[in-house]
Amino acid sequence: KRYGAPMNDLIQEAGLGLMKAADKFDPD
């Protein structure tokens, strides 16, 4: 938040990163 970006946008980007992680995660 200290970088001045809207919190909602930061959460959106964090969610997108989480989605990418889920898509590429190898449980093995």
mmCIF file of all heavy atoms, coordinates in Angstrom:
data_MODEL
# 
_entry.id   MODEL 
# 
loop_
_atom_site.group_PDB 
_atom_site.id 
_atom_site.type_symbol 
_atom_site.label_atom_id 
_atom_site.label_alt_id 
_atom_site.label_comp_id 
_atom_site.label_asym_id 
_atom_site.label_entity_id 
_atom_site.label_seq_id 
_atom_site.pdbx_PDB_ins_code 
_atom_site.Cartn_x 
_atom_site.Cartn_y 
_atom_site.Cartn_z 
_atom_site.occupancy 
_atom_site.B_iso_or_equiv 
_atom_site.pdbx_formal_charge 
_atom_site.auth_seq_id 
_atom_site.auth_comp_id 
_atom_site.auth_asym_id 
_atom_site.auth_atom_id 
_atom_site.pdbx_PDB_model_num 
ATOM 1   N N   . LYS A 1 1  ? 0.814   -1.219  0.000   1.00 0.00 ? 1  LYS A N   1 
ATOM 2   C CA  . LYS A 1 1  ? 0.000   0.000   0.000   1.00 0.00 ? 1  LYS A CA  1 
ATOM 3   C C   . LYS A 1 1  ? 0.844   1.264   0.000   1.00 0.00 ? 1  LYS A C   1 
ATOM 4   O O   . LYS A 1 1  ? 0.411   2.306   -0.486  1.00 0.00 ? 1  LYS A O   1 
ATOM 5   C CB  . LYS A 1 1  ? -0.940  0.009   1.214   1.00 0.00 ? 1  LYS A CB  1 
ATOM 6   C CG  . LYS A 1 1  ? -2.079  -0.976  1.148   1.00 0.00 ? 1  LYS A CG  1 
ATOM 7   C CD  . LYS A 1 1  ? -3.153  -0.666  2.161   1.00 0.00 ? 1  LYS A CD  1 
ATOM 8   C CE  . LYS A 1 1  ? -2.601  -0.753  3.568   1.00 0.00 ? 1  LYS A CE  1 
ATOM 9   N NZ  . LYS A 1 1  ? -3.659  -0.518  4.587   1.00 0.00 ? 1  LYS A NZ  1 
ATOM 10  N N   . ARG A 1 2  ? 2.058   1.179   0.535   1.00 0.00 ? 2  ARG A N   1 
ATOM 11  C CA  . ARG A 1 2  ? 2.890   2.379   0.638   1.00 0.00 ? 2  ARG A CA  1 
ATOM 12  C C   . ARG A 1 2  ? 3.312   2.923   -0.718  1.00 0.00 ? 2  ARG A C   1 
ATOM 13  O O   . ARG A 1 2  ? 3.804   4.052   -0.808  1.00 0.00 ? 2  ARG A O   1 
ATOM 14  C CB  . ARG A 1 2  ? 4.139   2.084   1.480   1.00 0.00 ? 2  ARG A CB  1 
ATOM 15  C CG  . ARG A 1 2  ? 5.091   1.064   0.867   1.00 0.00 ? 2  ARG A CG  1 
ATOM 16  C CD  . ARG A 1 2  ? 6.272   0.813   1.818   1.00 0.00 ? 2  ARG A CD  1 
ATOM 17  N NE  . ARG A 1 2  ? 7.252   -0.113  1.280   1.00 0.00 ? 2  ARG A NE  1 
ATOM 18  C CZ  . ARG A 1 2  ? 7.170   -1.429  1.384   1.00 0.00 ? 2  ARG A CZ  1 
ATOM 19  N NH1 . ARG A 1 2  ? 6.106   -1.972  1.974   1.00 0.00 ? 2  ARG A NH1 1 
ATOM 20  N NH2 . ARG A 1 2  ? 8.113   -2.217  0.887   1.00 0.00 ? 2  ARG A NH2 1 
ATOM 21  N N   . TYR A 1 3  ? 3.123   2.158   -1.772  1.00 0.00 ? 3  TYR A N   1 
ATOM 22  C CA  . TYR A 1 3  ? 3.493   2.635   -3.105  1.00 0.00 ? 3  TYR A CA  1 
ATOM 23  C C   . TYR A 1 3  ? 2.376   3.465   -3.744  1.00 0.00 ? 3  TYR A C   1 
ATOM 24  O O   . TYR A 1 3  ? 2.516   3.903   -4.888  1.00 0.00 ? 3  TYR A O   1 
ATOM 25  C CB  . TYR A 1 3  ? 3.859   1.456   -4.005  1.00 0.00 ? 3  TYR A CB  1 
ATOM 26  C CG  . TYR A 1 3  ? 5.116   0.754   -3.542  1.00 0.00 ? 3  TYR A CG  1 
ATOM 27  C CD1 . TYR A 1 3  ? 5.040   -0.460  -2.877  1.00 0.00 ? 3  TYR A CD1 1 
ATOM 28  C CD2 . TYR A 1 3  ? 6.376   1.321   -3.742  1.00 0.00 ? 3  TYR A CD2 1 
ATOM 29  C CE1 . TYR A 1 3  ? 6.184   -1.110  -2.433  1.00 0.00 ? 3  TYR A CE1 1 
ATOM 30  C CE2 . TYR A 1 3  ? 7.526   0.688   -3.296  1.00 0.00 ? 3  TYR A CE2 1 
ATOM 31  C CZ  . TYR A 1 3  ? 7.432   -0.528  -2.642  1.00 0.00 ? 3  TYR A CZ  1 
ATOM 32  O OH  . TYR A 1 3  ? 8.559   -1.159  -2.198  1.00 0.00 ? 3  TYR A OH  1 
ATOM 33  N N   . GLY A 1 4  ? 1.279   3.657   -3.023  1.00 0.00 ? 4  GLY A N   1 
ATOM 34  C CA  . GLY A 1 4  ? 0.239   4.566   -3.488  1.00 0.00 ? 4  GLY A CA  1 
ATOM 35  C C   . GLY A 1 4  ? -0.814  3.959   -4.387  1.00 0.00 ? 4  GLY A C   1 
ATOM 36  O O   . GLY A 1 4  ? -1.709  4.673   -4.849  1.00 0.00 ? 4  GLY A O   1 
ATOM 37  N N   . ALA A 1 5  ? -0.740  2.658   -4.671  1.00 0.00 ? 5  ALA A N   1 
ATOM 38  C CA  . ALA A 1 5  ? -1.738  2.021   -5.538  1.00 0.00 ? 5  ALA A CA  1 
ATOM 39  C C   . ALA A 1 5  ? -3.008  1.733   -4.745  1.00 0.00 ? 5  ALA A C   1 
ATOM 40  O O   . ALA A 1 5  ? -2.947  1.456   -3.544  1.00 0.00 ? 5  ALA A O   1 
ATOM 41  C CB  . ALA A 1 5  ? -1.184  0.729   -6.122  1.00 0.00 ? 5  ALA A CB  1 
ATOM 42  N N   . PRO A 1 6  ? -4.182  1.794   -5.395  1.00 0.00 ? 6  PRO A N   1 
ATOM 43  C CA  . PRO A 1 6  ? -5.438  1.481   -4.698  1.00 0.00 ? 6  PRO A CA  1 
ATOM 44  C C   . PRO A 1 6  ? -5.412  0.051   -4.155  1.00 0.00 ? 6  PRO A C   1 
ATOM 45  O O   . PRO A 1 6  ? -4.967  -0.875  -4.846  1.00 0.00 ? 6  PRO A O   1 
ATOM 46  C CB  . PRO A 1 6  ? -6.500  1.648   -5.800  1.00 0.00 ? 6  PRO A CB  1 
ATOM 47  C CG  . PRO A 1 6  ? -5.864  2.548   -6.807  1.00 0.00 ? 6  PRO A CG  1 
ATOM 48  C CD  . PRO A 1 6  ? -4.406  2.217   -6.788  1.00 0.00 ? 6  PRO A CD  1 
ATOM 49  N N   . MET A 1 7  ? -5.877  -0.133  -2.950  1.00 0.00 ? 7  MET A N   1 
ATOM 50  C CA  . MET A 1 7  ? -5.841  -1.444  -2.322  1.00 0.00 ? 7  MET A CA  1 
ATOM 51  C C   . MET A 1 7  ? -6.629  -2.472  -3.124  1.00 0.00 ? 7  MET A C   1 
ATOM 52  O O   . MET A 1 7  ? -6.228  -3.634  -3.254  1.00 0.00 ? 7  MET A O   1 
ATOM 53  C CB  . MET A 1 7  ? -6.399  -1.349  -0.893  1.00 0.00 ? 7  MET A CB  1 
ATOM 54  C CG  . MET A 1 7  ? -6.294  -2.634  -0.096  1.00 0.00 ? 7  MET A CG  1 
ATOM 55  S SD  . MET A 1 7  ? -4.582  -3.176  0.094   1.00 0.00 ? 7  MET A SD  1 
ATOM 56  C CE  . MET A 1 7  ? -4.834  -4.790  0.850   1.00 0.00 ? 7  MET A CE  1 
ATOM 57  N N   . ASN A 1 8  ? -7.742  -2.052  -3.693  1.00 0.00 ? 8  ASN A N   1 
ATOM 58  C CA  . ASN A 1 8  ? -8.554  -2.985  -4.465  1.00 0.00 ? 8  ASN A CA  1 
ATOM 59  C C   . ASN A 1 8  ? -7.792  -3.504  -5.690  1.00 0.00 ? 8  ASN A C   1 
ATOM 60  O O   . ASN A 1 8  ? -7.887  -4.677  -6.054  1.00 0.00 ? 8  ASN A O   1 
ATOM 61  C CB  . ASN A 1 8  ? -9.861  -2.321  -4.906  1.00 0.00 ? 8  ASN A CB  1 
ATOM 62  C CG  . ASN A 1 8  ? -10.929 -3.330  -5.273  1.00 0.00 ? 8  ASN A CG  1 
ATOM 63  O OD1 . ASN A 1 8  ? -11.139 -4.301  -4.552  1.00 0.00 ? 8  ASN A OD1 1 
ATOM 64  N ND2 . ASN A 1 8  ? -11.592 -3.104  -6.390  1.00 0.00 ? 8  ASN A ND2 1 
ATOM 65  N N   . ASP A 1 9  ? -6.996  -2.619  -6.311  1.00 0.00 ? 9  ASP A N   1 
ATOM 66  C CA  . ASP A 1 9  ? -6.196  -3.036  -7.462  1.00 0.00 ? 9  ASP A CA  1 
ATOM 67  C C   . ASP A 1 9  ? -5.085  -3.989  -7.031  1.00 0.00 ? 9  ASP A C   1 
ATOM 68  O O   . ASP A 1 9  ? -4.767  -4.954  -7.740  1.00 0.00 ? 9  ASP A O   1 
ATOM 69  C CB  . ASP A 1 9  ? -5.589  -1.814  -8.152  1.00 0.00 ? 9  ASP A CB  1 
ATOM 70  C CG  . ASP A 1 9  ? -6.634  -0.979  -8.873  1.00 0.00 ? 9  ASP A CG  1 
ATOM 71  O OD1 . ASP A 1 9  ? -7.775  -1.465  -9.015  1.00 0.00 ? 9  ASP A OD1 1 
ATOM 72  O OD2 . ASP A 1 9  ? -6.323  0.157   -9.277  1.00 0.00 ? 9  ASP A OD2 1 
ATOM 73  N N   . LEU A 1 10 ? -4.487  -3.706  -5.883  1.00 0.00 ? 10 LEU A N   1 
ATOM 74  C CA  . LEU A 1 10 ? -3.441  -4.588  -5.376  1.00 0.00 ? 10 LEU A CA  1 
ATOM 75  C C   . LEU A 1 10 ? -3.998  -5.980  -5.082  1.00 0.00 ? 10 LEU A C   1 
ATOM 76  O O   . LEU A 1 10 ? -3.361  -6.996  -5.371  1.00 0.00 ? 10 LEU A O   1 
ATOM 77  C CB  . LEU A 1 10 ? -2.821  -3.991  -4.109  1.00 0.00 ? 10 LEU A CB  1 
ATOM 78  C CG  . LEU A 1 10 ? -1.995  -2.715  -4.294  1.00 0.00 ? 10 LEU A CG  1 
ATOM 79  C CD1 . LEU A 1 10 ? -1.600  -2.142  -2.925  1.00 0.00 ? 10 LEU A CD1 1 
ATOM 80  C CD2 . LEU A 1 10 ? -0.757  -2.982  -5.132  1.00 0.00 ? 10 LEU A CD2 1 
ATOM 81  N N   . ILE A 1 11 ? -5.187  -6.017  -4.505  1.00 0.00 ? 11 ILE A N   1 
ATOM 82  C CA  . ILE A 1 11 ? -5.819  -7.310  -4.218  1.00 0.00 ? 11 ILE A CA  1 
ATOM 83  C C   . ILE A 1 11 ? -6.139  -8.043  -5.512  1.00 0.00 ? 11 ILE A C   1 
ATOM 84  O O   . ILE A 1 11 ? -5.974  -9.265  -5.627  1.00 0.00 ? 11 ILE A O   1 
ATOM 85  C CB  . ILE A 1 11 ? -7.095  -7.110  -3.375  1.00 0.00 ? 11 ILE A CB  1 
ATOM 86  C CG1 . ILE A 1 11 ? -6.732  -6.587  -1.979  1.00 0.00 ? 11 ILE A CG1 1 
ATOM 87  C CG2 . ILE A 1 11 ? -7.877  -8.407  -3.261  1.00 0.00 ? 11 ILE A CG2 1 
ATOM 88  C CD1 . ILE A 1 11 ? -7.923  -6.262  -1.113  1.00 0.00 ? 11 ILE A CD1 1 
ATOM 89  N N   . GLN A 1 12 ? -6.598  -7.299  -6.510  1.00 0.00 ? 12 GLN A N   1 
ATOM 90  C CA  . GLN A 1 12 ? -6.899  -7.900  -7.817  1.00 0.00 ? 12 GLN A CA  1 
ATOM 91  C C   . GLN A 1 12 ? -5.647  -8.556  -8.393  1.00 0.00 ? 12 GLN A C   1 
ATOM 92  O O   . GLN A 1 12 ? -5.683  -9.693  -8.861  1.00 0.00 ? 12 GLN A O   1 
ATOM 93  C CB  . GLN A 1 12 ? -7.412  -6.829  -8.770  1.00 0.00 ? 12 GLN A CB  1 
ATOM 94  C CG  . GLN A 1 12 ? -7.680  -7.324  -10.192 1.00 0.00 ? 12 GLN A CG  1 
ATOM 95  C CD  . GLN A 1 12 ? -8.969  -8.099  -10.300 1.00 0.00 ? 12 GLN A CD  1 
ATOM 96  O OE1 . GLN A 1 12 ? -9.986  -7.711  -9.719  1.00 0.00 ? 12 GLN A OE1 1 
ATOM 97  N NE2 . GLN A 1 12 ? -8.950  -9.187  -11.043 1.00 0.00 ? 12 GLN A NE2 1 
ATOM 98  N N   . GLU A 1 13 ? -4.524  -7.839  -8.353  1.00 0.00 ? 13 GLU A N   1 
ATOM 99  C CA  . GLU A 1 13 ? -3.281  -8.386  -8.887  1.00 0.00 ? 13 GLU A CA  1 
ATOM 100 C C   . GLU A 1 13 ? -2.801  -9.572  -8.053  1.00 0.00 ? 13 GLU A C   1 
ATOM 101 O O   . GLU A 1 13 ? -2.285  -10.546 -8.603  1.00 0.00 ? 13 GLU A O   1 
ATOM 102 C CB  . GLU A 1 13 ? -2.199  -7.302  -8.918  1.00 0.00 ? 13 GLU A CB  1 
ATOM 103 C CG  . GLU A 1 13 ? -2.476  -6.182  -9.909  1.00 0.00 ? 13 GLU A CG  1 
ATOM 104 C CD  . GLU A 1 13 ? -2.569  -6.683  -11.341 1.00 0.00 ? 13 GLU A CD  1 
ATOM 105 O OE1 . GLU A 1 13 ? -1.789  -7.591  -11.714 1.00 0.00 ? 13 GLU A OE1 1 
ATOM 106 O OE2 . GLU A 1 13 ? -3.414  -6.171  -12.087 1.00 0.00 ? 13 GLU A OE2 1 
ATOM 107 N N   . ALA A 1 14 ? -2.965  -9.485  -6.749  1.00 0.00 ? 14 ALA A N   1 
ATOM 108 C CA  . ALA A 1 14 ? -2.590  -10.603 -5.884  1.00 0.00 ? 14 ALA A CA  1 
ATOM 109 C C   . ALA A 1 14 ? -3.427  -11.834 -6.215  1.00 0.00 ? 14 ALA A C   1 
ATOM 110 O O   . ALA A 1 14 ? -2.921  -12.963 -6.251  1.00 0.00 ? 14 ALA A O   1 
ATOM 111 C CB  . ALA A 1 14 ? -2.769  -10.215 -4.420  1.00 0.00 ? 14 ALA A CB  1 
ATOM 112 N N   . GLY A 1 15 ? -4.721  -11.602 -6.478  1.00 0.00 ? 15 GLY A N   1 
ATOM 113 C CA  . GLY A 1 15 ? -5.591  -12.708 -6.854  1.00 0.00 ? 15 GLY A CA  1 
ATOM 114 C C   . GLY A 1 15 ? -5.190  -13.339 -8.171  1.00 0.00 ? 15 GLY A C   1 
ATOM 115 O O   . GLY A 1 15 ? -5.240  -14.568 -8.338  1.00 0.00 ? 15 GLY A O   1 
ATOM 116 N N   . LEU A 1 16 ? -4.773  -12.503 -9.121  1.00 0.00 ? 16 LEU A N   1 
ATOM 117 C CA  . LEU A 1 16 ? -4.319  -13.033 -10.413 1.00 0.00 ? 16 LEU A CA  1 
ATOM 118 C C   . LEU A 1 16 ? -3.054  -13.869 -10.234 1.00 0.00 ? 16 LEU A C   1 
ATOM 119 O O   . LEU A 1 16 ? -2.884  -14.914 -10.867 1.00 0.00 ? 16 LEU A O   1 
ATOM 120 C CB  . LEU A 1 16 ? -4.060  -11.883 -11.384 1.00 0.00 ? 16 LEU A CB  1 
ATOM 121 C CG  . LEU A 1 16 ? -5.300  -11.108 -11.839 1.00 0.00 ? 16 LEU A CG  1 
ATOM 122 C CD1 . LEU A 1 16 ? -4.891  -9.913  -12.700 1.00 0.00 ? 16 LEU A CD1 1 
ATOM 123 C CD2 . LEU A 1 16 ? -6.243  -12.015 -12.628 1.00 0.00 ? 16 LEU A CD2 1 
ATOM 124 N N   . GLY A 1 17 ? -2.151  -13.395 -9.364  1.00 0.00 ? 17 GLY A N   1 
ATOM 125 C CA  . GLY A 1 17 ? -0.951  -14.176 -9.085  1.00 0.00 ? 17 GLY A CA  1 
ATOM 126 C C   . GLY A 1 17 ? -1.289  -15.510 -8.442  1.00 0.00 ? 17 GLY A C   1 
ATOM 127 O O   . GLY A 1 17 ? -0.675  -16.535 -8.747  1.00 0.00 ? 17 GLY A O   1 
ATOM 128 N N   . LEU A 1 18 ? -2.278  -15.498 -7.555  1.00 0.00 ? 18 LEU A N   1 
ATOM 129 C CA  . LEU A 1 18 ? -2.730  -16.723 -6.906  1.00 0.00 ? 18 LEU A CA  1 
ATOM 130 C C   . LEU A 1 18 ? -3.311  -17.698 -7.928  1.00 0.00 ? 18 LEU A C   1 
ATOM 131 O O   . LEU A 1 18 ? -3.071  -18.912 -7.866  1.00 0.00 ? 18 LEU A O   1 
ATOM 132 C CB  . LEU A 1 18 ? -3.774  -16.384 -5.845  1.00 0.00 ? 18 LEU A CB  1 
ATOM 133 C CG  . LEU A 1 18 ? -4.358  -17.547 -5.035  1.00 0.00 ? 18 LEU A CG  1 
ATOM 134 C CD1 . LEU A 1 18 ? -3.257  -18.256 -4.252  1.00 0.00 ? 18 LEU A CD1 1 
ATOM 135 C CD2 . LEU A 1 18 ? -5.426  -17.023 -4.074  1.00 0.00 ? 18 LEU A CD2 1 
ATOM 136 N N   . MET A 1 19 ? -4.065  -17.173 -8.887  1.00 0.00 ? 19 MET A N   1 
ATOM 137 C CA  . MET A 1 19 ? -4.628  -18.008 -9.946  1.00 0.00 ? 19 MET A CA  1 
ATOM 138 C C   . MET A 1 19 ? -3.526  -18.643 -10.796 1.00 0.00 ? 19 MET A C   1 
ATOM 139 O O   . MET A 1 19 ? -3.585  -19.820 -11.152 1.00 0.00 ? 19 MET A O   1 
ATOM 140 C CB  . MET A 1 19 ? -5.549  -17.167 -10.834 1.00 0.00 ? 19 MET A CB  1 
ATOM 141 C CG  . MET A 1 19 ? -6.817  -16.705 -10.172 1.00 0.00 ? 19 MET A CG  1 
ATOM 142 S SD  . MET A 1 19 ? -8.015  -18.038 -10.001 1.00 0.00 ? 19 MET A SD  1 
ATOM 143 C CE  . MET A 1 19 ? -8.469  -18.274 -11.722 1.00 0.00 ? 19 MET A CE  1 
ATOM 144 N N   . LYS A 1 20 ? -2.501  -17.856 -11.128 1.00 0.00 ? 20 LYS A N   1 
ATOM 145 C CA  . LYS A 1 20 ? -1.385  -18.394 -11.907 1.00 0.00 ? 20 LYS A CA  1 
ATOM 146 C C   . LYS A 1 20 ? -0.668  -19.495 -11.138 1.00 0.00 ? 20 LYS A C   1 
ATOM 147 O O   . LYS A 1 20 ? -0.264  -20.512 -11.708 1.00 0.00 ? 20 LYS A O   1 
ATOM 148 C CB  . LYS A 1 20 ? -0.408  -17.271 -12.253 1.00 0.00 ? 20 LYS A CB  1 
ATOM 149 C CG  . LYS A 1 20 ? -0.947  -16.264 -13.249 1.00 0.00 ? 20 LYS A CG  1 
ATOM 150 C CD  . LYS A 1 20 ? 0.071   -15.155 -13.511 1.00 0.00 ? 20 LYS A CD  1 
ATOM 151 C CE  . LYS A 1 20 ? -0.483  -14.112 -14.466 1.00 0.00 ? 20 LYS A CE  1 
ATOM 152 N NZ  . LYS A 1 20 ? 0.487   -12.986 -14.672 1.00 0.00 ? 20 LYS A NZ  1 
ATOM 153 N N   . ALA A 1 21 ? -0.506  -19.272 -9.843  1.00 0.00 ? 21 ALA A N   1 
ATOM 154 C CA  . ALA A 1 21 ? 0.154   -20.277 -9.011  1.00 0.00 ? 21 ALA A CA  1 
ATOM 155 C C   . ALA A 1 21 ? -0.639  -21.579 -9.006  1.00 0.00 ? 21 ALA A C   1 
ATOM 156 O O   . ALA A 1 21 ? -0.071  -22.668 -9.132  1.00 0.00 ? 21 ALA A O   1 
ATOM 157 C CB  . ALA A 1 21 ? 0.317   -19.738 -7.588  1.00 0.00 ? 21 ALA A CB  1 
ATOM 158 N N   . ALA A 1 22 ? -1.959  -21.467 -8.868  1.00 0.00 ? 22 ALA A N   1 
ATOM 159 C CA  . ALA A 1 22 ? -2.807  -22.660 -8.855  1.00 0.00 ? 22 ALA A CA  1 
ATOM 160 C C   . ALA A 1 22 ? -2.740  -23.397 -10.185 1.00 0.00 ? 22 ALA A C   1 
ATOM 161 O O   . ALA A 1 22 ? -2.757  -24.634 -10.233 1.00 0.00 ? 22 ALA A O   1 
ATOM 162 C CB  . ALA A 1 22 ? -4.252  -22.264 -8.532  1.00 0.00 ? 22 ALA A CB  1 
ATOM 163 N N   . ASP A 1 23 ? -2.657  -22.649 -11.262 1.00 0.00 ? 23 ASP A N   1 
ATOM 164 C CA  . ASP A 1 23 ? -2.631  -23.267 -12.584 1.00 0.00 ? 23 ASP A CA  1 
ATOM 165 C C   . ASP A 1 23 ? -1.310  -23.985 -12.857 1.00 0.00 ? 23 ASP A C   1 
ATOM 166 O O   . ASP A 1 23 ? -1.271  -24.982 -13.569 1.00 0.00 ? 23 ASP A O   1 
ATOM 167 C CB  . ASP A 1 23 ? -2.869  -22.203 -13.658 1.00 0.00 ? 23 ASP A CB  1 
ATOM 168 C CG  . ASP A 1 23 ? -3.117  -22.808 -15.024 1.00 0.00 ? 23 ASP A CG  1 
ATOM 169 O OD1 . ASP A 1 23 ? -3.942  -23.741 -15.114 1.00 0.00 ? 23 ASP A OD1 1 
ATOM 170 O OD2 . ASP A 1 23 ? -2.484  -22.366 -15.995 1.00 0.00 ? 23 ASP A OD2 1 
ATOM 171 N N   . LYS A 1 24 ? -0.207  -23.478 -12.285 1.00 0.00 ? 24 LYS A N   1 
ATOM 172 C CA  . LYS A 1 24 ? 1.112   -24.038 -12.562 1.00 0.00 ? 24 LYS A CA  1 
ATOM 173 C C   . LYS A 1 24 ? 1.629   -24.952 -11.460 1.00 0.00 ? 24 LYS A C   1 
ATOM 174 O O   . LYS A 1 24 ? 2.692   -25.553 -11.600 1.00 0.00 ? 24 LYS A O   1 
ATOM 175 C CB  . LYS A 1 24 ? 2.113   -22.895 -12.797 1.00 0.00 ? 24 LYS A CB  1 
ATOM 176 C CG  . LYS A 1 24 ? 1.802   -22.067 -14.037 1.00 0.00 ? 24 LYS A CG  1 
ATOM 177 C CD  . LYS A 1 24 ? 2.820   -20.951 -14.231 1.00 0.00 ? 24 LYS A CD  1 
ATOM 178 C CE  . LYS A 1 24 ? 2.542   -20.160 -15.489 1.00 0.00 ? 24 LYS A CE  1 
ATOM 179 N NZ  . LYS A 1 24 ? 2.753   -20.954 -16.706 1.00 0.00 ? 24 LYS A NZ  1 
ATOM 180 N N   . PHE A 1 25 ? 0.907   -25.067 -10.381 1.00 0.00 ? 25 PHE A N   1 
ATOM 181 C CA  . PHE A 1 25 ? 1.370   -25.852 -9.237  1.00 0.00 ? 25 PHE A CA  1 
ATOM 182 C C   . PHE A 1 25 ? 1.430   -27.339 -9.570  1.00 0.00 ? 25 PHE A C   1 
ATOM 183 O O   . PHE A 1 25 ? 0.511   -27.913 -10.139 1.00 0.00 ? 25 PHE A O   1 
ATOM 184 C CB  . PHE A 1 25 ? 0.433   -25.622 -8.053  1.00 0.00 ? 25 PHE A CB  1 
ATOM 185 C CG  . PHE A 1 25 ? 0.816   -26.378 -6.814  1.00 0.00 ? 25 PHE A CG  1 
ATOM 186 C CD1 . PHE A 1 25 ? 2.029   -26.144 -6.200  1.00 0.00 ? 25 PHE A CD1 1 
ATOM 187 C CD2 . PHE A 1 25 ? -0.040  -27.321 -6.269  1.00 0.00 ? 25 PHE A CD2 1 
ATOM 188 C CE1 . PHE A 1 25 ? 2.392   -26.836 -5.054  1.00 0.00 ? 25 PHE A CE1 1 
ATOM 189 C CE2 . PHE A 1 25 ? 0.304   -28.013 -5.119  1.00 0.00 ? 25 PHE A CE2 1 
ATOM 190 C CZ  . PHE A 1 25 ? 1.519   -27.767 -4.507  1.00 0.00 ? 25 PHE A CZ  1 
ATOM 191 N N   . ASP A 1 26 ? 2.558   -27.958 -9.207  1.00 0.00 ? 26 ASP A N   1 
ATOM 192 C CA  . ASP A 1 26 ? 2.741   -29.390 -9.420  1.00 0.00 ? 26 ASP A CA  1 
ATOM 193 C C   . ASP A 1 26 ? 2.717   -30.087 -8.064  1.00 0.00 ? 26 ASP A C   1 
ATOM 194 O O   . ASP A 1 26 ? 3.698   -30.022 -7.311  1.00 0.00 ? 26 ASP A O   1 
ATOM 195 C CB  . ASP A 1 26 ? 4.076   -29.656 -10.123 1.00 0.00 ? 26 ASP A CB  1 
ATOM 196 C CG  . ASP A 1 26 ? 4.271   -31.127 -10.445 1.00 0.00 ? 26 ASP A CG  1 
ATOM 197 O OD1 . ASP A 1 26 ? 3.391   -31.943 -10.096 1.00 0.00 ? 26 ASP A OD1 1 
ATOM 198 O OD2 . ASP A 1 26 ? 5.306   -31.476 -11.059 1.00 0.00 ? 26 ASP A OD2 1 
ATOM 199 N N   . PRO A 1 27 ? 1.621   -30.779 -7.725  1.00 0.00 ? 27 PRO A N   1 
ATOM 200 C CA  . PRO A 1 27 ? 1.516   -31.419 -6.402  1.00 0.00 ? 27 PRO A CA  1 
ATOM 201 C C   . PRO A 1 27 ? 2.508   -32.561 -6.195  1.00 0.00 ? 27 PRO A C   1 
ATOM 202 O O   . PRO A 1 27 ? 2.735   -32.987 -5.061  1.00 0.00 ? 27 PRO A O   1 
ATOM 203 C CB  . PRO A 1 27 ? 0.063   -31.927 -6.373  1.00 0.00 ? 27 PRO A CB  1 
ATOM 204 C CG  . PRO A 1 27 ? -0.329  -32.051 -7.807  1.00 0.00 ? 27 PRO A CG  1 
ATOM 205 C CD  . PRO A 1 27 ? 0.398   -30.970 -8.533  1.00 0.00 ? 27 PRO A CD  1 
ATOM 206 N N   . ASP A 1 28 ? 3.115   -33.046 -7.266  1.00 0.00 ? 28 ASP A N   1 
ATOM 207 C CA  . ASP A 1 28 ? 4.063   -34.154 -7.133  1.00 0.00 ? 28 ASP A CA  1 
ATOM 208 C C   . ASP A 1 28 ? 5.396   -33.721 -6.529  1.00 0.00 ? 28 ASP A C   1 
ATOM 209 O O   . ASP A 1 28 ? 6.220   -34.560 -6.156  1.00 0.00 ? 28 ASP A O   1 
ATOM 210 C CB  . ASP A 1 28 ? 4.331   -34.796 -8.500  1.00 0.00 ? 28 ASP A CB  1 
ATOM 211 C CG  . ASP A 1 28 ? 3.115   -35.565 -9.014  1.00 0.00 ? 28 ASP A CG  1 
ATOM 212 O OD1 . ASP A 1 28 ? 2.363   -36.081 -8.170  1.00 0.00 ? 28 ASP A OD1 1 
ATOM 213 O OD2 . ASP A 1 28 ? 2.924   -35.627 -10.238 1.00 0.00 ? 28 ASP A OD2 1 
# 
